[in-house]
Amino acid sequence: PVIGVSTGGSIAQLLAARHPELVSRLVLVSSACRLSAGGRRVQRDLAR
């Protein structure tokens, strides 16, 4: 089983999609298939 949290959930989606043999159950917590426009702005400010 894999629990992906936020950014970890982004990675977990790719892990489960491309290596289904390694993930028996998937939980995505506060994570979705992409960031919102606002979420990207926040993370860009963090990095800057």
ModelCIF file with pLDDT and N, C-alpha, C, O atoms, coordinates in Angstrom:
data_MODEL
#
_entry.id   MODEL 
#
_entity.id                         1 
_entity.type                       polymer 
_entity.pdbx_number_of_molecules   1 
#
_entity_poly.entity_id                      1 
_entity_poly.type                           'polypeptide(L)' 
_entity_poly.nstd_linkage                   no 
_entity_poly.nstd_monomer                   no 
_entity_poly.pdbx_seq_one_letter_code       PVIGVSTGGSIAQLLAARHPELVSRLVLVSSACRLSAGGRRVQRDLAR 
_entity_poly.pdbx_seq_one_letter_code_can   PVIGVSTGGSIAQLLAARHPELVSRLVLVSSACRLSAGGRRVQRDLAR 
_entity_poly.pdbx_strand_id                 A 
#
loop_
_entity_poly_seq.entity_id 
_entity_poly_seq.num 
_entity_poly_seq.mon_id 
_entity_poly_seq.hetero 
1 1  PRO n 
1 2  VAL n 
1 3  ILE n 
1 4  GLY n 
1 5  VAL n 
1 6  SER n 
1 7  THR n 
1 8  GLY n 
1 9  GLY n 
1 10 SER n 
1 11 ILE n 
1 12 ALA n 
1 13 GLN n 
1 14 LEU n 
1 15 LEU n 
1 16 ALA n 
1 17 ALA n 
1 18 ARG n 
1 19 HIS n 
1 20 PRO n 
1 21 GLU n 
1 22 LEU n 
1 23 VAL n 
1 24 SER n 
1 25 ARG n 
1 26 LEU n 
1 27 VAL n 
1 28 LEU n 
1 29 VAL n 
1 30 SER n 
1 31 SER n 
1 32 ALA n 
1 33 CYS n 
1 34 ARG n 
1 35 LEU n 
1 36 SER n 
1 37 ALA n 
1 38 GLY n 
1 39 GLY n 
1 40 ARG n 
1 41 ARG n 
1 42 VAL n 
1 43 GLN n 
1 44 ARG n 
1 45 ASP n 
1 46 LEU n 
1 47 ALA n 
1 48 ARG n 
#
_struct_asym.id          A 
_struct_asym.entity_id   1 
#
loop_
_ma_qa_metric.id 
_ma_qa_metric.mode 
_ma_qa_metric.name 
_ma_qa_metric.software_group_id 
_ma_qa_metric.type 
1 global pLDDT . pLDDT 
2 local  pLDDT . pLDDT 
#
_ma_qa_metric_global.metric_id      1 
_ma_qa_metric_global.metric_value   97.83 
_ma_qa_metric_global.model_id       1 
_ma_qa_metric_global.ordinal_id     1 
#
loop_
_ma_qa_metric_local.label_asym_id 
_ma_qa_metric_local.label_comp_id 
_ma_qa_metric_local.label_seq_id 
_ma_qa_metric_local.metric_id 
_ma_qa_metric_local.metric_value 
_ma_qa_metric_local.model_id 
_ma_qa_metric_local.ordinal_id 
A PRO 1  2 98.00 1 1  
A VAL 2  2 98.00 1 2  
A ILE 3  2 98.00 1 3  
A GLY 4  2 98.00 1 4  
A VAL 5  2 97.00 1 5  
A SER 6  2 97.00 1 6  
A THR 7  2 98.00 1 7  
A GLY 8  2 97.00 1 8  
A GLY 9  2 98.00 1 9  
A SER 10 2 98.00 1 10 
A ILE 11 2 98.00 1 11 
A ALA 12 2 98.00 1 12 
A GLN 13 2 98.00 1 13 
A LEU 14 2 98.00 1 14 
A LEU 15 2 98.00 1 15 
A ALA 16 2 98.00 1 16 
A ALA 17 2 98.00 1 17 
A ARG 18 2 98.00 1 18 
A HIS 19 2 98.00 1 19 
A PRO 20 2 97.00 1 20 
A GLU 21 2 98.00 1 21 
A LEU 22 2 98.00 1 22 
A VAL 23 2 98.00 1 23 
A SER 24 2 98.00 1 24 
A ARG 25 2 98.00 1 25 
A LEU 26 2 98.00 1 26 
A VAL 27 2 98.00 1 27 
A LEU 28 2 98.00 1 28 
A VAL 29 2 98.00 1 29 
A SER 30 2 98.00 1 30 
A SER 31 2 98.00 1 31 
A ALA 32 2 98.00 1 32 
A CYS 33 2 98.00 1 33 
A ARG 34 2 98.00 1 34 
A LEU 35 2 98.00 1 35 
A SER 36 2 98.00 1 36 
A ALA 37 2 98.00 1 37 
A GLY 38 2 97.00 1 38 
A GLY 39 2 98.00 1 39 
A ARG 40 2 98.00 1 40 
A ARG 41 2 98.00 1 41 
A VAL 42 2 98.00 1 42 
A GLN 43 2 98.00 1 43 
A ARG 44 2 98.00 1 44 
A ASP 45 2 98.00 1 45 
A LEU 46 2 97.00 1 46 
A ALA 47 2 97.00 1 47 
A ARG 48 2 97.00 1 48 
#
loop_
_atom_site.group_PDB 
_atom_site.id 
_atom_site.type_symbol 
_atom_site.label_atom_id 
_atom_site.label_alt_id 
_atom_site.label_comp_id 
_atom_site.label_asym_id 
_atom_site.label_entity_id 
_atom_site.label_seq_id 
_atom_site.pdbx_PDB_ins_code 
_atom_site.Cartn_x 
_atom_site.Cartn_y 
_atom_site.Cartn_z 
_atom_site.occupancy 
_atom_site.B_iso_or_equiv 
_atom_site.pdbx_formal_charge 
_atom_site.auth_seq_id 
_atom_site.auth_comp_id 
_atom_site.auth_asym_id 
_atom_site.auth_atom_id 
_atom_site.pdbx_PDB_model_num 
ATOM 1   N N  . PRO A 1 1  ? 0.842  -1.201 0.000   1.00 98.00 ? 1  PRO A N  1 
ATOM 2   C CA . PRO A 1 1  ? 0.000  0.000  0.000   1.00 98.00 ? 1  PRO A CA 1 
ATOM 3   C C  . PRO A 1 1  ? 0.879  1.254  0.000   1.00 98.00 ? 1  PRO A C  1 
ATOM 4   O O  . PRO A 1 1  ? 1.937  1.277  0.628   1.00 98.00 ? 1  PRO A O  1 
ATOM 5   N N  . VAL A 1 2  ? 0.439  2.280  -0.699  1.00 98.00 ? 2  VAL A N  1 
ATOM 6   C CA . VAL A 1 2  ? 1.182  3.542  -0.794  1.00 98.00 ? 2  VAL A CA 1 
ATOM 7   C C  . VAL A 1 2  ? 0.245  4.692  -0.463  1.00 98.00 ? 2  VAL A C  1 
ATOM 8   O O  . VAL A 1 2  ? -0.841 4.809  -1.031  1.00 98.00 ? 2  VAL A O  1 
ATOM 9   N N  . ILE A 1 3  ? 0.682  5.542  0.469   1.00 98.00 ? 3  ILE A N  1 
ATOM 10  C CA . ILE A 1 3  ? -0.022 6.774  0.805   1.00 98.00 ? 3  ILE A CA 1 
ATOM 11  C C  . ILE A 1 3  ? 0.820  7.934  0.286   1.00 98.00 ? 3  ILE A C  1 
ATOM 12  O O  . ILE A 1 3  ? 1.968  8.098  0.699   1.00 98.00 ? 3  ILE A O  1 
ATOM 13  N N  . GLY A 1 4  ? 0.263  8.737  -0.614  1.00 98.00 ? 4  GLY A N  1 
ATOM 14  C CA . GLY A 1 4  ? 0.968  9.895  -1.135  1.00 98.00 ? 4  GLY A CA 1 
ATOM 15  C C  . GLY A 1 4  ? 0.345  11.168 -0.596  1.00 98.00 ? 4  GLY A C  1 
ATOM 16  O O  . GLY A 1 4  ? -0.859 11.385 -0.738  1.00 98.00 ? 4  GLY A O  1 
ATOM 17  N N  . VAL A 1 5  ? 1.163  12.013 0.025   1.00 97.00 ? 5  VAL A N  1 
ATOM 18  C CA . VAL A 1 5  ? 0.685  13.248 0.643   1.00 97.00 ? 5  VAL A CA 1 
ATOM 19  C C  . VAL A 1 5  ? 1.148  14.435 -0.180  1.00 97.00 ? 5  VAL A C  1 
ATOM 20  O O  . VAL A 1 5  ? 2.349  14.628 -0.367  1.00 97.00 ? 5  VAL A O  1 
ATOM 21  N N  . SER A 1 6  ? 0.214  15.232 -0.674  1.00 97.00 ? 6  SER A N  1 
ATOM 22  C CA . SER A 1 6  ? 0.531  16.465 -1.399  1.00 97.00 ? 6  SER A CA 1 
ATOM 23  C C  . SER A 1 6  ? 1.501  16.170 -2.542  1.00 97.00 ? 6  SER A C  1 
ATOM 24  O O  . SER A 1 6  ? 1.151  15.416 -3.449  1.00 97.00 ? 6  SER A O  1 
ATOM 25  N N  . THR A 1 7  ? 2.704  16.738 -2.528  1.00 98.00 ? 7  THR A N  1 
ATOM 26  C CA . THR A 1 7  ? 3.678  16.464 -3.588  1.00 98.00 ? 7  THR A CA 1 
ATOM 27  C C  . THR A 1 7  ? 3.991  14.975 -3.670  1.00 98.00 ? 7  THR A C  1 
ATOM 28  O O  . THR A 1 7  ? 4.185  14.439 -4.761  1.00 98.00 ? 7  THR A O  1 
ATOM 29  N N  . GLY A 1 8  ? 4.041  14.310 -2.524  1.00 97.00 ? 8  GLY A N  1 
ATOM 30  C CA . GLY A 1 8  ? 4.240  12.863 -2.533  1.00 97.00 ? 8  GLY A CA 1 
ATOM 31  C C  . GLY A 1 8  ? 3.124  12.136 -3.254  1.00 97.00 ? 8  GLY A C  1 
ATOM 32  O O  . GLY A 1 8  ? 3.344  11.081 -3.849  1.00 97.00 ? 8  GLY A O  1 
ATOM 33  N N  . GLY A 1 9  ? 1.917  12.704 -3.200  1.00 98.00 ? 9  GLY A N  1 
ATOM 34  C CA . GLY A 1 9  ? 0.805  12.120 -3.938  1.00 98.00 ? 9  GLY A CA 1 
ATOM 35  C C  . GLY A 1 9  ? 0.955  12.273 -5.436  1.00 98.00 ? 9  GLY A C  1 
ATOM 36  O O  . GLY A 1 9  ? 0.535  11.401 -6.198  1.00 98.00 ? 9  GLY A O  1 
ATOM 37  N N  . SER A 1 10 ? 1.553  13.380 -5.868  1.00 98.00 ? 10 SER A N  1 
ATOM 38  C CA . SER A 1 10 ? 1.821  13.546 -7.303  1.00 98.00 ? 10 SER A CA 1 
ATOM 39  C C  . SER A 1 10 ? 2.722  12.421 -7.800  1.00 98.00 ? 10 SER A C  1 
ATOM 40  O O  . SER A 1 10 ? 2.472  11.820 -8.846  1.00 98.00 ? 10 SER A O  1 
ATOM 41  N N  . ILE A 1 11 ? 3.766  12.151 -7.035  1.00 98.00 ? 11 ILE A N  1 
ATOM 42  C CA . ILE A 1 11 ? 4.706  11.094 -7.412  1.00 98.00 ? 11 ILE A CA 1 
ATOM 43  C C  . ILE A 1 11 ? 4.028  9.724  -7.314  1.00 98.00 ? 11 ILE A C  1 
ATOM 44  O O  . ILE A 1 11 ? 4.249  8.852  -8.154  1.00 98.00 ? 11 ILE A O  1 
ATOM 45  N N  . ALA A 1 12 ? 3.202  9.546  -6.280  1.00 98.00 ? 12 ALA A N  1 
ATOM 46  C CA . ALA A 1 12 ? 2.533  8.257  -6.087  1.00 98.00 ? 12 ALA A CA 1 
ATOM 47  C C  . ALA A 1 12 ? 1.610  7.921  -7.249  1.00 98.00 ? 12 ALA A C  1 
ATOM 48  O O  . ALA A 1 12 ? 1.472  6.751  -7.606  1.00 98.00 ? 12 ALA A O  1 
ATOM 49  N N  . GLN A 1 13 ? 0.974  8.926  -7.847  1.00 98.00 ? 13 GLN A N  1 
ATOM 50  C CA . GLN A 1 13 ? 0.115  8.674  -9.006  1.00 98.00 ? 13 GLN A CA 1 
ATOM 51  C C  . GLN A 1 13 ? 0.914  8.081  -10.157 1.00 98.00 ? 13 GLN A C  1 
ATOM 52  O O  . GLN A 1 13 ? 0.471  7.129  -10.800 1.00 98.00 ? 13 GLN A O  1 
ATOM 53  N N  . LEU A 1 14 ? 2.075  8.635  -10.415 1.00 98.00 ? 14 LEU A N  1 
ATOM 54  C CA . LEU A 1 14 ? 2.916  8.125  -11.502 1.00 98.00 ? 14 LEU A CA 1 
ATOM 55  C C  . LEU A 1 14 ? 3.458  6.738  -11.165 1.00 98.00 ? 14 LEU A C  1 
ATOM 56  O O  . LEU A 1 14 ? 3.542  5.871  -12.035 1.00 98.00 ? 14 LEU A O  1 
ATOM 57  N N  . LEU A 1 15 ? 3.821  6.535  -9.912  1.00 98.00 ? 15 LEU A N  1 
ATOM 58  C CA . LEU A 1 15 ? 4.307  5.223  -9.475  1.00 98.00 ? 15 LEU A CA 1 
ATOM 59  C C  . LEU A 1 15 ? 3.233  4.160  -9.695  1.00 98.00 ? 15 LEU A C  1 
ATOM 60  O O  . LEU A 1 15 ? 3.512  3.098  -10.251 1.00 98.00 ? 15 LEU A O  1 
ATOM 61  N N  . ALA A 1 16 ? 2.013  4.444  -9.263  1.00 98.00 ? 16 ALA A N  1 
ATOM 62  C CA . ALA A 1 16 ? 0.934  3.455  -9.387  1.00 98.00 ? 16 ALA A CA 1 
ATOM 63  C C  . ALA A 1 16 ? 0.526  3.228  -10.829 1.00 98.00 ? 16 ALA A C  1 
ATOM 64  O O  . ALA A 1 16 ? 0.166  2.111  -11.203 1.00 98.00 ? 16 ALA A O  1 
ATOM 65  N N  . ALA A 1 17 ? 0.579  4.281  -11.651 1.00 98.00 ? 17 ALA A N  1 
ATOM 66  C CA . ALA A 1 17 ? 0.171  4.149  -13.049 1.00 98.00 ? 17 ALA A CA 1 
ATOM 67  C C  . ALA A 1 17 ? 1.185  3.379  -13.866 1.00 98.00 ? 17 ALA A C  1 
ATOM 68  O O  . ALA A 1 17 ? 0.820  2.578  -14.726 1.00 98.00 ? 17 ALA A O  1 
ATOM 69  N N  . ARG A 1 18 ? 2.452  3.618  -13.602 1.00 98.00 ? 18 ARG A N  1 
ATOM 70  C CA . ARG A 1 18 ? 3.505  3.042  -14.439 1.00 98.00 ? 18 ARG A CA 1 
ATOM 71  C C  . ARG A 1 18 ? 4.122  1.779  -13.865 1.00 98.00 ? 18 ARG A C  1 
ATOM 72  O O  . ARG A 1 18 ? 4.833  1.056  -14.562 1.00 98.00 ? 18 ARG A O  1 
ATOM 73  N N  . HIS A 1 19 ? 3.850  1.514  -12.595 1.00 98.00 ? 19 HIS A N  1 
ATOM 74  C CA . HIS A 1 19 ? 4.331  0.279  -11.953 1.00 98.00 ? 19 HIS A CA 1 
ATOM 75  C C  . HIS A 1 19 ? 3.198  -0.324 -11.124 1.00 98.00 ? 19 HIS A C  1 
ATOM 76  O O  . HIS A 1 19 ? 3.311  -0.418 -9.901  1.00 98.00 ? 19 HIS A O  1 
ATOM 77  N N  . PRO A 1 20 ? 2.113  -0.732 -11.775 1.00 97.00 ? 20 PRO A N  1 
ATOM 78  C CA . PRO A 1 20 ? 0.961  -1.256 -11.023 1.00 97.00 ? 20 PRO A CA 1 
ATOM 79  C C  . PRO A 1 20 ? 1.288  -2.512 -10.233 1.00 97.00 ? 20 PRO A C  1 
ATOM 80  O O  . PRO A 1 20 ? 0.591  -2.839 -9.273  1.00 97.00 ? 20 PRO A O  1 
ATOM 81  N N  . GLU A 1 21 ? 2.323  -3.207 -10.620 1.00 98.00 ? 21 GLU A N  1 
ATOM 82  C CA . GLU A 1 21 ? 2.698  -4.434 -9.915  1.00 98.00 ? 21 GLU A CA 1 
ATOM 83  C C  . GLU A 1 21 ? 3.278  -4.160 -8.530  1.00 98.00 ? 21 GLU A C  1 
ATOM 84  O O  . GLU A 1 21 ? 3.418  -5.082 -7.727  1.00 98.00 ? 21 GLU A O  1 
ATOM 85  N N  . LEU A 1 22 ? 3.615  -2.903 -8.242  1.00 98.00 ? 22 LEU A N  1 
ATOM 86  C CA . LEU A 1 22 ? 4.253  -2.558 -6.962  1.00 98.00 ? 22 LEU A CA 1 
ATOM 87  C C  . LEU A 1 22 ? 3.296  -1.935 -5.950  1.00 98.00 ? 22 LEU A C  1 
ATOM 88  O O  . LEU A 1 22 ? 3.652  -1.795 -4.780  1.00 98.00 ? 22 LEU A O  1 
ATOM 89  N N  . VAL A 1 23 ? 2.096  -1.559 -6.372  1.00 98.00 ? 23 VAL A N  1 
ATOM 90  C CA . VAL A 1 23 ? 1.165  -0.831 -5.499  1.00 98.00 ? 23 VAL A CA 1 
ATOM 91  C C  . VAL A 1 23 ? -0.116 -1.636 -5.330  1.00 98.00 ? 23 VAL A C  1 
ATOM 92  O O  . VAL A 1 23 ? -0.854 -1.844 -6.293  1.00 98.00 ? 23 VAL A O  1 
ATOM 93  N N  . SER A 1 24 ? -0.381 -2.089 -4.105  1.00 98.00 ? 24 SER A N  1 
ATOM 94  C CA . SER A 1 24 ? -1.589 -2.893 -3.856  1.00 98.00 ? 24 SER A CA 1 
ATOM 95  C C  . SER A 1 24 ? -2.802 -2.022 -3.570  1.00 98.00 ? 24 SER A C  1 
ATOM 96  O O  . SER A 1 24 ? -3.920 -2.361 -3.957  1.00 98.00 ? 24 SER A O  1 
ATOM 97  N N  . ARG A 1 25 ? -2.585 -0.900 -2.893  1.00 98.00 ? 25 ARG A N  1 
ATOM 98  C CA . ARG A 1 25 ? -3.629 0.086  -2.635  1.00 98.00 ? 25 ARG A CA 1 
ATOM 99  C C  . ARG A 1 25 ? -2.998 1.465  -2.669  1.00 98.00 ? 25 ARG A C  1 
ATOM 100 O O  . ARG A 1 25 ? -1.833 1.634  -2.308  1.00 98.00 ? 25 ARG A O  1 
ATOM 101 N N  . LEU A 1 26 ? -3.772 2.451  -3.104  1.00 98.00 ? 26 LEU A N  1 
ATOM 102 C CA . LEU A 1 26 ? -3.246 3.807  -3.238  1.00 98.00 ? 26 LEU A CA 1 
ATOM 103 C C  . LEU A 1 26 ? -4.156 4.776  -2.502  1.00 98.00 ? 26 LEU A C  1 
ATOM 104 O O  . LEU A 1 26 ? -5.375 4.758  -2.671  1.00 98.00 ? 26 LEU A O  1 
ATOM 105 N N  . VAL A 1 27 ? -3.539 5.625  -1.677  1.00 98.00 ? 27 VAL A N  1 
ATOM 106 C CA . VAL A 1 27 ? -4.257 6.691  -0.985  1.00 98.00 ? 27 VAL A CA 1 
ATOM 107 C C  . VAL A 1 27 ? -3.603 8.021  -1.355  1.00 98.00 ? 27 VAL A C  1 
ATOM 108 O O  . VAL A 1 27 ? -2.392 8.182  -1.205  1.00 98.00 ? 27 VAL A O  1 
ATOM 109 N N  . LEU A 1 28 ? -4.393 8.962  -1.833  1.00 98.00 ? 28 LEU A N  1 
ATOM 110 C CA . LEU A 1 28 ? -3.912 10.292 -2.167  1.00 98.00 ? 28 LEU A CA 1 
ATOM 111 C C  . LEU A 1 28 ? -4.535 11.279 -1.189  1.00 98.00 ? 28 LEU A C  1 
ATOM 112 O O  . LEU A 1 28 ? -5.754 11.447 -1.154  1.00 98.00 ? 28 LEU A O  1 
ATOM 113 N N  . VAL A 1 29 ? -3.689 11.930 -0.394  1.00 98.00 ? 29 VAL A N  1 
ATOM 114 C CA . VAL A 1 29 ? -4.155 12.848 0.636   1.00 98.00 ? 29 VAL A CA 1 
ATOM 115 C C  . VAL A 1 29 ? -3.740 14.265 0.272   1.00 98.00 ? 29 VAL A C  1 
ATOM 116 O O  . VAL A 1 29 ? -2.552 14.548 0.116   1.00 98.00 ? 29 VAL A O  1 
ATOM 117 N N  . SER A 1 30 ? -4.716 15.156 0.136   1.00 98.00 ? 30 SER A N  1 
ATOM 118 C CA . SER A 1 30 ? -4.434 16.547 -0.261  1.00 98.00 ? 30 SER A CA 1 
ATOM 119 C C  . SER A 1 30 ? -3.542 16.570 -1.494  1.00 98.00 ? 30 SER A C  1 
ATOM 120 O O  . SER A 1 30 ? -2.526 17.264 -1.534  1.00 98.00 ? 30 SER A O  1 
ATOM 121 N N  . SER A 1 31 ? -3.936 15.807 -2.486  1.00 98.00 ? 31 SER A N  1 
ATOM 122 C CA . SER A 1 31 ? -3.160 15.697 -3.720  1.00 98.00 ? 31 SER A CA 1 
ATOM 123 C C  . SER A 1 31 ? -4.108 15.397 -4.861  1.00 98.00 ? 31 SER A C  1 
ATOM 124 O O  . SER A 1 31 ? -5.108 14.701 -4.688  1.00 98.00 ? 31 SER A O  1 
ATOM 125 N N  . ALA A 1 32 ? -3.783 15.931 -6.032  1.00 98.00 ? 32 ALA A N  1 
ATOM 126 C CA . ALA A 1 32 ? -4.627 15.720 -7.218  1.00 98.00 ? 32 ALA A CA 1 
ATOM 127 C C  . ALA A 1 32 ? -3.740 15.584 -8.445  1.00 98.00 ? 32 ALA A C  1 
ATOM 128 O O  . ALA A 1 32 ? -2.513 15.608 -8.352  1.00 98.00 ? 32 ALA A O  1 
ATOM 129 N N  . CYS A 1 33 ? -4.386 15.438 -9.598  1.00 98.00 ? 33 CYS A N  1 
ATOM 130 C CA . CYS A 1 33 ? -3.641 15.133 -10.821 1.00 98.00 ? 33 CYS A CA 1 
ATOM 131 C C  . CYS A 1 33 ? -2.769 16.293 -11.300 1.00 98.00 ? 33 CYS A C  1 
ATOM 132 O O  . CYS A 1 33 ? -1.893 16.096 -12.142 1.00 98.00 ? 33 CYS A O  1 
ATOM 133 N N  . ARG A 1 34 ? -2.993 17.485 -10.781 1.00 98.00 ? 34 ARG A N  1 
ATOM 134 C CA . ARG A 1 34 ? -2.117 18.635 -11.050 1.00 98.00 ? 34 ARG A CA 1 
ATOM 135 C C  . ARG A 1 34 ? -2.441 19.718 -10.031 1.00 98.00 ? 34 ARG A C  1 
ATOM 136 O O  . ARG A 1 34 ? -3.493 19.691 -9.392  1.00 98.00 ? 34 ARG A O  1 
ATOM 137 N N  . LEU A 1 35 ? -1.541 20.656 -9.889  1.00 98.00 ? 35 LEU A N  1 
ATOM 138 C CA . LEU A 1 35 ? -1.784 21.804 -9.023  1.00 98.00 ? 35 LEU A CA 1 
ATOM 139 C C  . LEU A 1 35 ? -2.793 22.747 -9.675  1.00 98.00 ? 35 LEU A C  1 
ATOM 140 O O  . LEU A 1 35 ? -2.918 22.786 -10.899 1.00 98.00 ? 35 LEU A O  1 
ATOM 141 N N  . SER A 1 36 ? -3.504 23.499 -8.854  1.00 98.00 ? 36 SER A N  1 
ATOM 142 C CA . SER A 1 36 ? -4.313 24.589 -9.375  1.00 98.00 ? 36 SER A CA 1 
ATOM 143 C C  . SER A 1 36 ? -3.384 25.739 -9.769  1.00 98.00 ? 36 SER A C  1 
ATOM 144 O O  . SER A 1 36 ? -2.205 25.737 -9.418  1.00 98.00 ? 36 SER A O  1 
ATOM 145 N N  . ALA A 1 37 ? -3.919 26.715 -10.496 1.00 98.00 ? 37 ALA A N  1 
ATOM 146 C CA . ALA A 1 37 ? -3.107 27.880 -10.862 1.00 98.00 ? 37 ALA A CA 1 
ATOM 147 C C  . ALA A 1 37 ? -2.595 28.583 -9.612  1.00 98.00 ? 37 ALA A C  1 
ATOM 148 O O  . ALA A 1 37 ? -1.446 29.022 -9.570  1.00 98.00 ? 37 ALA A O  1 
ATOM 149 N N  . GLY A 1 38 ? -3.447 28.689 -8.593  1.00 97.00 ? 38 GLY A N  1 
ATOM 150 C CA . GLY A 1 38 ? -3.020 29.299 -7.347  1.00 97.00 ? 38 GLY A CA 1 
ATOM 151 C C  . GLY A 1 38 ? -1.949 28.495 -6.649  1.00 97.00 ? 38 GLY A C  1 
ATOM 152 O O  . GLY A 1 38 ? -1.013 29.061 -6.084  1.00 97.00 ? 38 GLY A O  1 
ATOM 153 N N  . GLY A 1 39 ? -2.076 27.172 -6.681  1.00 98.00 ? 39 GLY A N  1 
ATOM 154 C CA . GLY A 1 39 ? -1.071 26.309 -6.073  1.00 98.00 ? 39 GLY A CA 1 
ATOM 155 C C  . GLY A 1 39 ? 0.282  26.457 -6.736  1.00 98.00 ? 39 GLY A C  1 
ATOM 156 O O  . GLY A 1 39 ? 1.312  26.458 -6.062  1.00 98.00 ? 39 GLY A O  1 
ATOM 157 N N  . ARG A 1 40 ? 0.286  26.582 -8.050  1.00 98.00 ? 40 ARG A N  1 
ATOM 158 C CA . ARG A 1 40 ? 1.556  26.789 -8.752  1.00 98.00 ? 40 ARG A CA 1 
ATOM 159 C C  . ARG A 1 40 ? 2.183  28.120 -8.359  1.00 98.00 ? 40 ARG A C  1 
ATOM 160 O O  . ARG A 1 40 ? 3.398  28.203 -8.181  1.00 98.00 ? 40 ARG A O  1 
ATOM 161 N N  . ARG A 1 41 ? 1.375  29.148 -8.225  1.00 98.00 ? 41 ARG A N  1 
ATOM 162 C CA . ARG A 1 41 ? 1.921  30.451 -7.819  1.00 98.00 ? 41 ARG A CA 1 
ATOM 163 C C  . ARG A 1 41 ? 2.555  30.373 -6.436  1.00 98.00 ? 41 ARG A C  1 
ATOM 164 O O  . ARG A 1 41 ? 3.632  30.924 -6.204  1.00 98.00 ? 41 ARG A O  1 
ATOM 165 N N  . VAL A 1 42 ? 1.885  29.690 -5.527  1.00 98.00 ? 42 VAL A N  1 
ATOM 166 C CA . VAL A 1 42 ? 2.421  29.561 -4.168  1.00 98.00 ? 42 VAL A CA 1 
ATOM 167 C C  . VAL A 1 42 ? 3.763  28.837 -4.183  1.00 98.00 ? 42 VAL A C  1 
ATOM 168 O O  . VAL A 1 42 ? 4.712  29.266 -3.526  1.00 98.00 ? 42 VAL A O  1 
ATOM 169 N N  . GLN A 1 43 ? 3.840  27.744 -4.928  1.00 98.00 ? 43 GLN A N  1 
ATOM 170 C CA . GLN A 1 43 ? 5.095  26.988 -4.944  1.00 98.00 ? 43 GLN A CA 1 
ATOM 171 C C  . GLN A 1 43 ? 6.201  27.739 -5.676  1.00 98.00 ? 43 GLN A C  1 
ATOM 172 O O  . GLN A 1 43 ? 7.373  27.607 -5.323  1.00 98.00 ? 43 GLN A O  1 
ATOM 173 N N  . ARG A 1 44 ? 5.850  28.514 -6.679  1.00 98.00 ? 44 ARG A N  1 
ATOM 174 C CA . ARG A 1 44 ? 6.862  29.324 -7.342  1.00 98.00 ? 44 ARG A CA 1 
ATOM 175 C C  . ARG A 1 44 ? 7.420  30.375 -6.391  1.00 98.00 ? 44 ARG A C  1 
ATOM 176 O O  . ARG A 1 44 ? 8.621  30.645 -6.396  1.00 98.00 ? 44 ARG A O  1 
ATOM 177 N N  . ASP A 1 45 ? 6.547  30.974 -5.569  1.00 98.00 ? 45 ASP A N  1 
ATOM 178 C CA . ASP A 1 45 ? 7.019  31.942 -4.581  1.00 98.00 ? 45 ASP A CA 1 
ATOM 179 C C  . ASP A 1 45 ? 7.927  31.263 -3.560  1.00 98.00 ? 45 ASP A C  1 
ATOM 180 O O  . ASP A 1 45 ? 8.964  31.808 -3.182  1.00 98.00 ? 45 ASP A O  1 
ATOM 181 N N  . LEU A 1 46 ? 7.532  30.080 -3.121  1.00 97.00 ? 46 LEU A N  1 
ATOM 182 C CA . LEU A 1 46 ? 8.368  29.312 -2.189  1.00 97.00 ? 46 LEU A CA 1 
ATOM 183 C C  . LEU A 1 46 ? 9.758  29.114 -2.767  1.00 97.00 ? 46 LEU A C  1 
ATOM 184 O O  . LEU A 1 46 ? 10.754 29.365 -2.088  1.00 97.00 ? 46 LEU A O  1 
ATOM 185 N N  . ALA A 1 47 ? 9.836  28.667 -4.016  1.00 97.00 ? 47 ALA A N  1 
ATOM 186 C CA . ALA A 1 47 ? 11.131 28.410 -4.651  1.00 97.00 ? 47 ALA A CA 1 
ATOM 187 C C  . ALA A 1 47 ? 11.914 29.702 -4.843  1.00 97.00 ? 47 ALA A C  1 
ATOM 188 O O  . ALA A 1 47 ? 13.124 29.731 -4.623  1.00 97.00 ? 47 ALA A O  1 
ATOM 189 N N  . ARG A 1 48 ? 11.231 30.773 -5.254  1.00 97.00 ? 48 ARG A N  1 
ATOM 190 C CA . ARG A 1 48 ? 11.926 32.041 -5.515  1.00 97.00 ? 48 ARG A CA 1 
ATOM 191 C C  . ARG A 1 48 ? 12.571 32.590 -4.245  1.00 97.00 ? 48 ARG A C  1 
ATOM 192 O O  . ARG A 1 48 ? 13.197 33.649 -4.278  1.00 97.00 ? 48 ARG A O  1 
#
